[in-house]
Every structure is written in structure tokens, then in C-alpha cells.
């Protein structure tokens, strides 16, 4: 029996984890510009931008949080800039 290698395991549409991370980083940069213009972005917009790829969606939220954005919660599914 072959073991799964986490470095090469294919996720949705045959992408590796590293490819998903790169897509999410690029997507988070694009969404940061949109947040600057509109003030906030809904989780549904992020999911659509990630083409309903759950891993890319979650990584995008992670990167937005790391960049200082409030990613909200289930009661307020919005991403907006944290007030400093």
C-alpha cells in the first residue's frame, strides 16, 4: 500500500497544496484592493473568487487575517480592515 505524500497530494482539480497556497496569496492581494475600494467583502464573494475551492477559500481567509484584516465570524461573514 502506498502512503500519501502531503507535498504532492492533489487537491481539487489536481492542484497540489503549494499551488493552492500560491493561488490564495494572489487572490488575497486582489481582494485587499477590493476591500480598500468598497470597505468590506463578503465571504460569498471570496468563495466565488476561489471558484468554490474550499482549500483556496480557507487559505485566502488565513492570509487576509495575517495581513491585518478582520475576517468576521458566522454571525458577520464579512472581511474588512481592522481599525488601528
PDB file of N, CA and C in Angstrom:
ATOM      1  N   UNK A   1       0.840  -1.182   0.000  1.00  0.00           N
ATOM      2  CA  UNK A   1       0.000   0.000   0.000  1.00  0.00           C
ATOM      3  C   UNK A   1       0.885   1.244   0.000  1.00  0.00           C
ATOM      4  N   UNK A   2       0.582   2.184  -0.877  1.00  0.00           N
ATOM      5  CA  UNK A   2       1.349   3.420  -0.965  1.00  0.00           C
ATOM      6  C   UNK A   2       0.791   4.451   0.002  1.00  0.00           C
ATOM      7  N   UNK A   3       1.698   5.162   0.659  1.00  0.00           N
ATOM      8  CA  UNK A   3       1.293   6.236   1.572  1.00  0.00           C
ATOM      9  C   UNK A   3       1.163   7.533   0.782  1.00  0.00           C
ATOM     10  N   UNK A   4       0.291   8.392   1.237  1.00  0.00           N
ATOM     11  CA  UNK A   4       0.114   9.690   0.598  1.00  0.00           C
ATOM     12  C   UNK A   4       1.262  10.610   0.985  1.00  0.00           C
ATOM     13  N   UNK A   5       1.831  11.258   0.031  1.00  0.00           N
ATOM     14  CA  UNK A   5       2.879  12.244   0.280  1.00  0.00           C
ATOM     15  C   UNK A   5       2.205  13.598   0.301  1.00  0.00           C
ATOM     16  N   UNK A   6       2.213  14.270   1.452  1.00  0.00           N
ATOM     17  CA  UNK A   6       1.487  15.533   1.607  1.00  0.00           C
ATOM     18  C   UNK A   6       2.026  16.621   0.687  1.00  0.00           C
ATOM     19  N   UNK A   7       3.265  16.489   0.237  1.00  0.00           N
ATOM     20  CA  UNK A   7       3.839  17.513  -0.634  1.00  0.00           C
ATOM     21  C   UNK A   7       3.335  17.409  -2.062  1.00  0.00           C
ATOM     22  N   UNK A   8       2.881  16.255  -2.469  1.00  0.00           N
ATOM     23  CA  UNK A   8       2.454  16.074  -3.852  1.00  0.00           C
ATOM     24  C   UNK A   8       0.998  15.660  -3.971  1.00  0.00           C
ATOM     25  N   UNK A   9       0.290  15.582  -2.877  1.00  0.00           N
ATOM     26  CA  UNK A   9      -1.103  15.150  -2.915  1.00  0.00           C
ATOM     27  C   UNK A   9      -1.928  16.140  -3.727  1.00  0.00           C
ATOM     28  N   UNK A  10      -2.734  15.651  -4.612  1.00  0.00           N
ATOM     29  CA  UNK A  10      -3.568  16.503  -5.443  1.00  0.00           C
ATOM     30  C   UNK A  10      -4.861  16.836  -4.706  1.00  0.00           C
ATOM     31  N   UNK A  11      -5.212  18.096  -4.728  1.00  0.00           N
ATOM     32  CA  UNK A  11      -6.468  18.553  -4.158  1.00  0.00           C
ATOM     33  C   UNK A  11      -7.449  18.776  -5.298  1.00  0.00           C
ATOM     34  N   UNK A  12      -8.419  19.634  -5.102  1.00  0.00           N
ATOM     35  CA  UNK A  12      -9.433  19.868  -6.125  1.00  0.00           C
ATOM     36  C   UNK A  12      -8.780  20.258  -7.457  1.00  0.00           C
ATOM     37  N   UNK A  13      -9.249  19.693  -8.506  1.00  0.00           N
ATOM     38  CA  UNK A  13      -8.770  19.945  -9.862  1.00  0.00           C
ATOM     39  C   UNK A  13      -7.302  19.575 -10.046  1.00  0.00           C
ATOM     40  N   UNK A  14      -6.774  18.667  -9.223  1.00  0.00           N
ATOM     41  CA  UNK A  14      -5.419  18.179  -9.390  1.00  0.00           C
ATOM     42  C   UNK A  14      -4.322  19.118  -8.941  1.00  0.00           C
ATOM     43  N   UNK A  15      -4.656  20.161  -8.179  1.00  0.00           N
ATOM     44  CA  UNK A  15      -3.645  21.102  -7.705  1.00  0.00           C
ATOM     45  C   UNK A  15      -2.982  20.573  -6.444  1.00  0.00           C
ATOM     46  N   UNK A  16      -1.700  20.863  -6.293  1.00  0.00           N
ATOM     47  CA  UNK A  16      -1.005  20.494  -5.069  1.00  0.00           C
ATOM     48  C   UNK A  16      -1.259  21.568  -4.014  1.00  0.00           C
ATOM     49  N   UNK A  17      -0.885  21.273  -2.778  1.00  0.00           N
ATOM     50  CA  UNK A  17      -1.076  22.231  -1.691  1.00  0.00           C
ATOM     51  C   UNK A  17      -0.299  23.513  -1.963  1.00  0.00           C
ATOM     52  N   UNK A  18       0.915  23.398  -2.474  1.00  0.00           N
ATOM     53  CA  UNK A  18       1.717  24.585  -2.774  1.00  0.00           C
ATOM     54  C   UNK A  18       1.064  25.444  -3.854  1.00  0.00           C
ATOM     55  N   UNK A  19       0.463  24.814  -4.846  1.00  0.00           N
ATOM     56  CA  UNK A  19      -0.241  25.570  -5.879  1.00  0.00           C
ATOM     57  C   UNK A  19      -1.451  26.290  -5.286  1.00  0.00           C
ATOM     58  N   UNK A  20      -2.167  25.622  -4.383  1.00  0.00           N
ATOM     59  CA  UNK A  20      -3.320  26.239  -3.725  1.00  0.00           C
ATOM     60  C   UNK A  20      -2.884  27.447  -2.896  1.00  0.00           C
ATOM     61  N   UNK A  21      -1.733  27.322  -2.220  1.00  0.00           N
ATOM     62  CA  UNK A  21      -1.213  28.439  -1.428  1.00  0.00           C
ATOM     63  C   UNK A  21      -0.891  29.638  -2.308  1.00  0.00           C
ATOM     64  N   UNK A  22      -0.287  29.404  -3.450  1.00  0.00           N
ATOM     65  CA  UNK A  22       0.056  30.497  -4.361  1.00  0.00           C
ATOM     66  C   UNK A  22      -1.203  31.172  -4.912  1.00  0.00           C
ATOM     67  N   UNK A  23      -2.191  30.381  -5.265  1.00  0.00           N
ATOM     68  CA  UNK A  23      -3.457  30.929  -5.758  1.00  0.00           C
ATOM     69  C   UNK A  23      -4.107  31.786  -4.668  1.00  0.00           C
ATOM     70  N   UNK A  24      -4.098  31.291  -3.437  1.00  0.00           N
ATOM     71  CA  UNK A  24      -4.711  32.014  -2.323  1.00  0.00           C
ATOM     72  C   UNK A  24      -3.976  33.317  -2.037  1.00  0.00           C
ATOM     73  N   UNK A  25      -2.652  33.320  -2.127  1.00  0.00           N
ATOM     74  CA  UNK A  25      -1.883  34.550  -1.903  1.00  0.00           C
ATOM     75  C   UNK A  25      -2.227  35.591  -2.951  1.00  0.00           C
ATOM     76  N   UNK A  26      -2.296  35.171  -4.199  1.00  0.00           N
ATOM     77  CA  UNK A  26      -2.655  36.080  -5.283  1.00  0.00           C
ATOM     78  C   UNK A  26      -4.077  36.605  -5.094  1.00  0.00           C
ATOM     79  N   UNK A  27      -4.980  35.723  -4.748  1.00  0.00           N
ATOM     80  CA  UNK A  27      -6.376  36.098  -4.537  1.00  0.00           C
ATOM     81  C   UNK A  27      -6.525  37.070  -3.374  1.00  0.00           C
ATOM     82  N   UNK A  28      -5.773  36.848  -2.301  1.00  0.00           N
ATOM     83  CA  UNK A  28      -5.871  37.747  -1.143  1.00  0.00           C
ATOM     84  C   UNK A  28      -5.387  39.148  -1.507  1.00  0.00           C
ATOM     85  N   UNK A  29      -4.360  39.259  -2.344  1.00  0.00           N
ATOM     86  CA  UNK A  29      -3.887  40.571  -2.784  1.00  0.00           C
ATOM     87  C   UNK A  29      -4.957  41.289  -3.616  1.00  0.00           C
ATOM     88  N   UNK A  30      -5.625  40.543  -4.477  1.00  0.00           N
ATOM     89  CA  UNK A  30      -6.701  41.124  -5.285  1.00  0.00           C
ATOM     90  C   UNK A  30      -7.854  41.584  -4.396  1.00  0.00           C
ATOM     91  N   UNK A  31      -8.188  40.772  -3.399  1.00  0.00           N
ATOM     92  CA  UNK A  31      -9.294  41.122  -2.509  1.00  0.00           C
ATOM     93  C   UNK A  31      -8.950  42.301  -1.608  1.00  0.00           C
ATOM     94  N   UNK A  32      -7.677  42.458  -1.247  1.00  0.00           N
ATOM     95  CA  UNK A  32      -7.267  43.613  -0.448  1.00  0.00           C
ATOM     96  C   UNK A  32      -7.583  44.906  -1.193  1.00  0.00           C
ATOM     97  N   UNK A  33      -7.338  44.919  -2.506  1.00  0.00           N
ATOM     98  CA  UNK A  33      -7.661  46.099  -3.315  1.00  0.00           C
ATOM     99  C   UNK A  33      -9.168  46.353  -3.321  1.00  0.00           C
ATOM    100  N   UNK A  34      -9.942  45.293  -3.432  1.00  0.00           N
ATOM    101  CA  UNK A  34     -11.395  45.427  -3.436  1.00  0.00           C
ATOM    102  C   UNK A  34     -11.894  45.942  -2.079  1.00  0.00           C
ATOM    103  N   UNK A  35     -11.288  45.467  -0.995  1.00  0.00           N
ATOM    104  CA  UNK A  35     -11.675  45.923   0.344  1.00  0.00           C
ATOM    105  C   UNK A  35     -11.341  47.399   0.514  1.00  0.00           C
ATOM    106  N   UNK A  36     -10.200  47.830  -0.017  1.00  0.00           N
ATOM    107  CA  UNK A  36      -9.828  49.247   0.060  1.00  0.00           C
ATOM    108  C   UNK A  36     -10.839  50.119  -0.671  1.00  0.00           C
ATOM    109  N   UNK A  37     -11.389  49.609  -1.778  1.00  0.00           N
ATOM    110  CA  UNK A  37     -12.345  50.369  -2.578  1.00  0.00           C
ATOM    111  C   UNK A  37     -13.735  50.384  -1.951  1.00  0.00           C
ATOM    112  N   UNK A  38     -14.198  49.233  -1.468  1.00  0.00           N
ATOM    113  CA  UNK A  38     -15.579  49.118  -1.002  1.00  0.00           C
ATOM    114  C   UNK A  38     -15.726  49.107   0.515  1.00  0.00           C
ATOM    115  N   UNK A  39     -14.631  48.889   1.238  1.00  0.00           N
ATOM    116  CA  UNK A  39     -14.701  48.865   2.693  1.00  0.00           C
ATOM    117  C   UNK A  39     -14.875  47.477   3.284  1.00  0.00           C
ATOM    118  N   UNK A  40     -15.416  46.552   2.519  1.00  0.00           N
ATOM    119  CA  UNK A  40     -15.617  45.184   3.009  1.00  0.00           C
ATOM    120  C   UNK A  40     -15.923  44.248   1.853  1.00  0.00           C
ATOM    121  N   UNK A  41     -15.721  42.972   2.105  1.00  0.00           N
ATOM    122  CA  UNK A  41     -16.025  41.927   1.120  1.00  0.00           C
ATOM    123  C   UNK A  41     -16.680  40.777   1.868  1.00  0.00           C
ATOM    124  N   UNK A  42     -17.749  40.235   1.329  1.00  0.00           N
ATOM    125  CA  UNK A  42     -18.447  39.112   1.950  1.00  0.00           C
ATOM    126  C   UNK A  42     -17.744  37.797   1.685  1.00  0.00           C
ATOM    127  N   UNK A  43     -17.963  36.856   2.587  1.00  0.00           N
ATOM    128  CA  UNK A  43     -17.383  35.526   2.416  1.00  0.00           C
ATOM    129  C   UNK A  43     -17.838  34.885   1.119  1.00  0.00           C
ATOM    130  N   UNK A  44     -19.068  35.168   0.708  1.00  0.00           N
ATOM    131  CA  UNK A  44     -19.587  34.582  -0.524  1.00  0.00           C
ATOM    132  C   UNK A  44     -18.786  35.047  -1.739  1.00  0.00           C
ATOM    133  N   UNK A  45     -18.333  36.299  -1.722  1.00  0.00           N
ATOM    134  CA  UNK A  45     -17.516  36.829  -2.815  1.00  0.00           C
ATOM    135  C   UNK A  45     -16.169  36.113  -2.852  1.00  0.00           C
ATOM    136  N   UNK A  46     -15.609  35.864  -1.670  1.00  0.00           N
ATOM    137  CA  UNK A  46     -14.328  35.157  -1.588  1.00  0.00           C
ATOM    138  C   UNK A  46     -14.484  33.732  -2.099  1.00  0.00           C
ATOM    139  N   UNK A  47     -15.566  33.078  -1.715  1.00  0.00           N
ATOM    140  CA  UNK A  47     -15.809  31.708  -2.169  1.00  0.00           C
ATOM    141  C   UNK A  47     -15.957  31.647  -3.684  1.00  0.00           C
ATOM    142  N   UNK A  48     -16.676  32.608  -4.248  1.00  0.00           N
ATOM    143  CA  UNK A  48     -16.822  32.653  -5.704  1.00  0.00           C
ATOM    144  C   UNK A  48     -15.480  32.937  -6.369  1.00  0.00           C
ATOM    145  N   UNK A  49     -14.686  33.832  -5.792  1.00  0.00           N
ATOM    146  CA  UNK A  49     -13.375  34.153  -6.349  1.00  0.00           C
ATOM    147  C   UNK A  49     -12.449  32.948  -6.303  1.00  0.00           C
ATOM    148  N   UNK A  50     -12.618  32.113  -5.282  1.00  0.00           N
ATOM    149  CA  UNK A  50     -11.817  30.890  -5.147  1.00  0.00           C
ATOM    150  C   UNK A  50     -12.384  29.752  -5.989  1.00  0.00           C
ATOM    151  N   UNK A  51     -13.392  30.047  -6.777  1.00  0.00           N
ATOM    152  CA  UNK A  51     -14.064  29.073  -7.639  1.00  0.00           C
ATOM    153  C   UNK A  51     -14.560  27.875  -6.839  1.00  0.00           C
ATOM    154  N   UNK A  52     -15.094  28.159  -5.660  1.00  0.00           N
ATOM    155  CA  UNK A  52     -15.680  27.165  -4.751  1.00  0.00           C
ATOM    156  C   UNK A  52     -14.689  26.070  -4.349  1.00  0.00           C
ATOM    157  N   UNK A  53     -13.405  26.412  -4.351  1.00  0.00           N
ATOM    158  CA  UNK A  53     -12.362  25.503  -3.889  1.00  0.00           C
ATOM    159  C   UNK A  53     -12.156  25.791  -2.401  1.00  0.00           C
ATOM    160  N   UNK A  54     -12.564  24.855  -1.546  1.00  0.00           N
ATOM    161  CA  UNK A  54     -12.563  25.069  -0.103  1.00  0.00           C
ATOM    162  C   UNK A  54     -11.172  25.368   0.452  1.00  0.00           C
ATOM    163  N   UNK A  55     -10.161  24.679  -0.039  1.00  0.00           N
ATOM    164  CA  UNK A  55      -8.809  24.897   0.461  1.00  0.00           C
ATOM    165  C   UNK A  55      -8.309  26.292   0.107  1.00  0.00           C
ATOM    166  N   UNK A  56      -8.509  26.722  -1.118  1.00  0.00           N
ATOM    167  CA  UNK A  56      -8.095  28.064  -1.539  1.00  0.00           C
ATOM    168  C   UNK A  56      -8.869  29.113  -0.749  1.00  0.00           C
ATOM    169  N   UNK A  57     -10.153  28.880  -0.533  1.00  0.00           N
ATOM    170  CA  UNK A  57     -11.008  29.790   0.239  1.00  0.00           C
ATOM    171  C   UNK A  57     -10.474  29.973   1.661  1.00  0.00           C
ATOM    172  N   UNK A  58     -10.183  28.869   2.337  1.00  0.00           N
ATOM    173  CA  UNK A  58      -9.697  28.941   3.715  1.00  0.00           C
ATOM    174  C   UNK A  58      -8.307  29.568   3.792  1.00  0.00           C
ATOM    175  N   UNK A  59      -7.455  29.243   2.851  1.00  0.00           N
ATOM    176  CA  UNK A  59      -6.127  29.850   2.835  1.00  0.00           C
ATOM    177  C   UNK A  59      -6.206  31.351   2.559  1.00  0.00           C
ATOM    178  N   UNK A  60      -7.119  31.761   1.698  1.00  0.00           N
ATOM    179  CA  UNK A  60      -7.303  33.182   1.410  1.00  0.00           C
ATOM    180  C   UNK A  60      -7.730  33.932   2.665  1.00  0.00           C
ATOM    181  N   UNK A  61      -8.679  33.374   3.412  1.00  0.00           N
ATOM    182  CA  UNK A  61      -9.088  33.994   4.676  1.00  0.00           C
ATOM    183  C   UNK A  61      -7.909  34.058   5.646  1.00  0.00           C
ATOM    184  N   UNK A  62      -7.115  33.021   5.696  1.00  0.00           N
ATOM    185  CA  UNK A  62      -5.941  32.992   6.567  1.00  0.00           C
ATOM    186  C   UNK A  62      -4.975  34.120   6.211  1.00  0.00           C
ATOM    187  N   UNK A  63      -4.680  34.288   4.934  1.00  0.00           N
ATOM    188  CA  UNK A  63      -3.745  35.318   4.509  1.00  0.00           C
ATOM    189  C   UNK A  63      -4.309  36.722   4.744  1.00  0.00           C
ATOM    190  N   UNK A  64      -5.605  36.891   4.574  1.00  0.00           N
ATOM    191  CA  UNK A  64      -6.212  38.194   4.861  1.00  0.00           C
ATOM    192  C   UNK A  64      -6.102  38.514   6.356  1.00  0.00           C
ATOM    193  N   UNK A  65      -6.335  37.518   7.200  1.00  0.00           N
ATOM    194  CA  UNK A  65      -6.211  37.710   8.647  1.00  0.00           C
ATOM    195  C   UNK A  65      -4.769  38.060   9.012  1.00  0.00           C
ATOM    196  N   UNK A  66      -3.811  37.385   8.398  1.00  0.00           N
ATOM    197  CA  UNK A  66      -2.401  37.662   8.663  1.00  0.00           C
ATOM    198  C   UNK A  66      -2.006  39.068   8.225  1.00  0.00           C
ATOM    199  N   UNK A  67      -2.676  39.599   7.222  1.00  0.00           N
ATOM    200  CA  UNK A  67      -2.379  40.942   6.730  1.00  0.00           C
ATOM    201  C   UNK A  67      -3.138  42.030   7.484  1.00  0.00           C
ATOM    202  N   UNK A  68      -3.808  41.664   8.582  1.00  0.00           N
ATOM    203  CA  UNK A  68      -4.445  42.658   9.433  1.00  0.00           C
ATOM    204  C   UNK A  68      -5.912  42.913   9.164  1.00  0.00           C
ATOM    205  N   UNK A  69      -6.573  42.033   8.467  1.00  0.00           N
ATOM    206  CA  UNK A  69      -7.994  42.202   8.187  1.00  0.00           C
ATOM    207  C   UNK A  69      -8.828  41.413   9.192  1.00  0.00           C
ATOM    208  N   UNK A  70      -9.980  41.966   9.534  1.00  0.00           N
ATOM    209  CA  UNK A  70     -10.956  41.289  10.391  1.00  0.00           C
ATOM    210  C   UNK A  70     -11.775  40.392   9.474  1.00  0.00           C
ATOM    211  N   UNK A  71     -11.651  39.073   9.648  1.00  0.00           N
ATOM    212  CA  UNK A  71     -12.340  38.152   8.736  1.00  0.00           C
ATOM    213  C   UNK A  71     -13.742  37.794   9.216  1.00  0.00           C
ATOM    214  N   UNK A  72     -14.201  38.390  10.308  1.00  0.00           N
ATOM    215  CA  UNK A  72     -15.561  38.171  10.778  1.00  0.00           C
ATOM    216  C   UNK A  72     -15.763  36.804  11.398  1.00  0.00           C
ATOM    217  N   UNK A  73     -17.024  36.406  11.492  1.00  0.00           N
ATOM    218  CA  UNK A  73     -17.407  35.105  12.032  1.00  0.00           C
ATOM    219  C   UNK A  73     -18.739  34.702  11.416  1.00  0.00           C
ATOM    220  N   UNK A  74     -19.329  33.634  11.912  1.00  0.00           N
ATOM    221  CA  UNK A  74     -20.567  33.130  11.297  1.00  0.00           C
ATOM    222  C   UNK A  74     -21.728  34.099  11.438  1.00  0.00           C
ATOM    223  N   UNK A  75     -21.689  34.986  12.427  1.00  0.00           N
ATOM    224  CA  UNK A  75     -22.759  35.978  12.576  1.00  0.00           C
ATOM    225  C   UNK A  75     -22.553  37.166  11.636  1.00  0.00           C
ATOM    226  N   UNK A  76     -21.298  37.443  11.308  1.00  0.00           N
ATOM    227  CA  UNK A  76     -20.942  38.568  10.447  1.00  0.00           C
ATOM    228  C   UNK A  76     -19.931  38.092   9.420  1.00  0.00           C
ATOM    229  N   UNK A  77     -20.402  37.425   8.370  1.00  0.00           N
ATOM    230  CA  UNK A  77     -19.487  36.842   7.379  1.00  0.00           C
ATOM    231  C   UNK A  77     -18.921  37.882   6.403  1.00  0.00           C
ATOM    232  N   UNK A  78     -18.141  38.811   6.942  1.00  0.00           N
ATOM    233  CA  UNK A  78     -17.549  39.872   6.142  1.00  0.00           C
ATOM    234  C   UNK A  78     -16.071  40.001   6.477  1.00  0.00           C
ATOM    235  N   UNK A  79     -15.308  40.464   5.519  1.00  0.00           N
ATOM    236  CA  UNK A  79     -13.898  40.773   5.738  1.00  0.00           C
ATOM    237  C   UNK A  79     -13.758  42.287   5.562  1.00  0.00           C
ATOM    238  N   UNK A  80     -13.156  42.922   6.562  1.00  0.00           N
ATOM    239  CA  UNK A  80     -12.920  44.364   6.458  1.00  0.00           C
ATOM    240  C   UNK A  80     -11.629  44.706   7.178  1.00  0.00           C
ATOM    241  N   UNK A  81     -11.120  45.885   6.913  1.00  0.00           N
ATOM    242  CA  UNK A  81      -9.854  46.312   7.518  1.00  0.00           C
ATOM    243  C   UNK A  81     -10.066  46.542   9.007  1.00  0.00           C
ATOM    244  N   UNK A  82      -9.114  46.038   9.790  1.00  0.00           N
ATOM    245  CA  UNK A  82      -9.167  46.222  11.239  1.00  0.00           C
ATOM    246  C   UNK A  82      -8.838  47.684  11.549  1.00  0.00           C
ATOM    247  N   UNK A  83      -9.615  48.271  12.425  1.00  0.00           N
ATOM    248  CA  UNK A  83      -9.375  49.653  12.822  1.00  0.00           C
ATOM    249  C   UNK A  83      -8.216  49.683  13.794  1.00  0.00           C
ATOM    250  N   UNK A  84      -7.184  50.474  13.459  1.00  0.00           N
ATOM    251  CA  UNK A  84      -5.990  50.546  14.315  1.00  0.00           C
ATOM    252  C   UNK A  84      -6.046  51.752  15.215  1.00  0.00           C
TER     253      UNK A  84
END
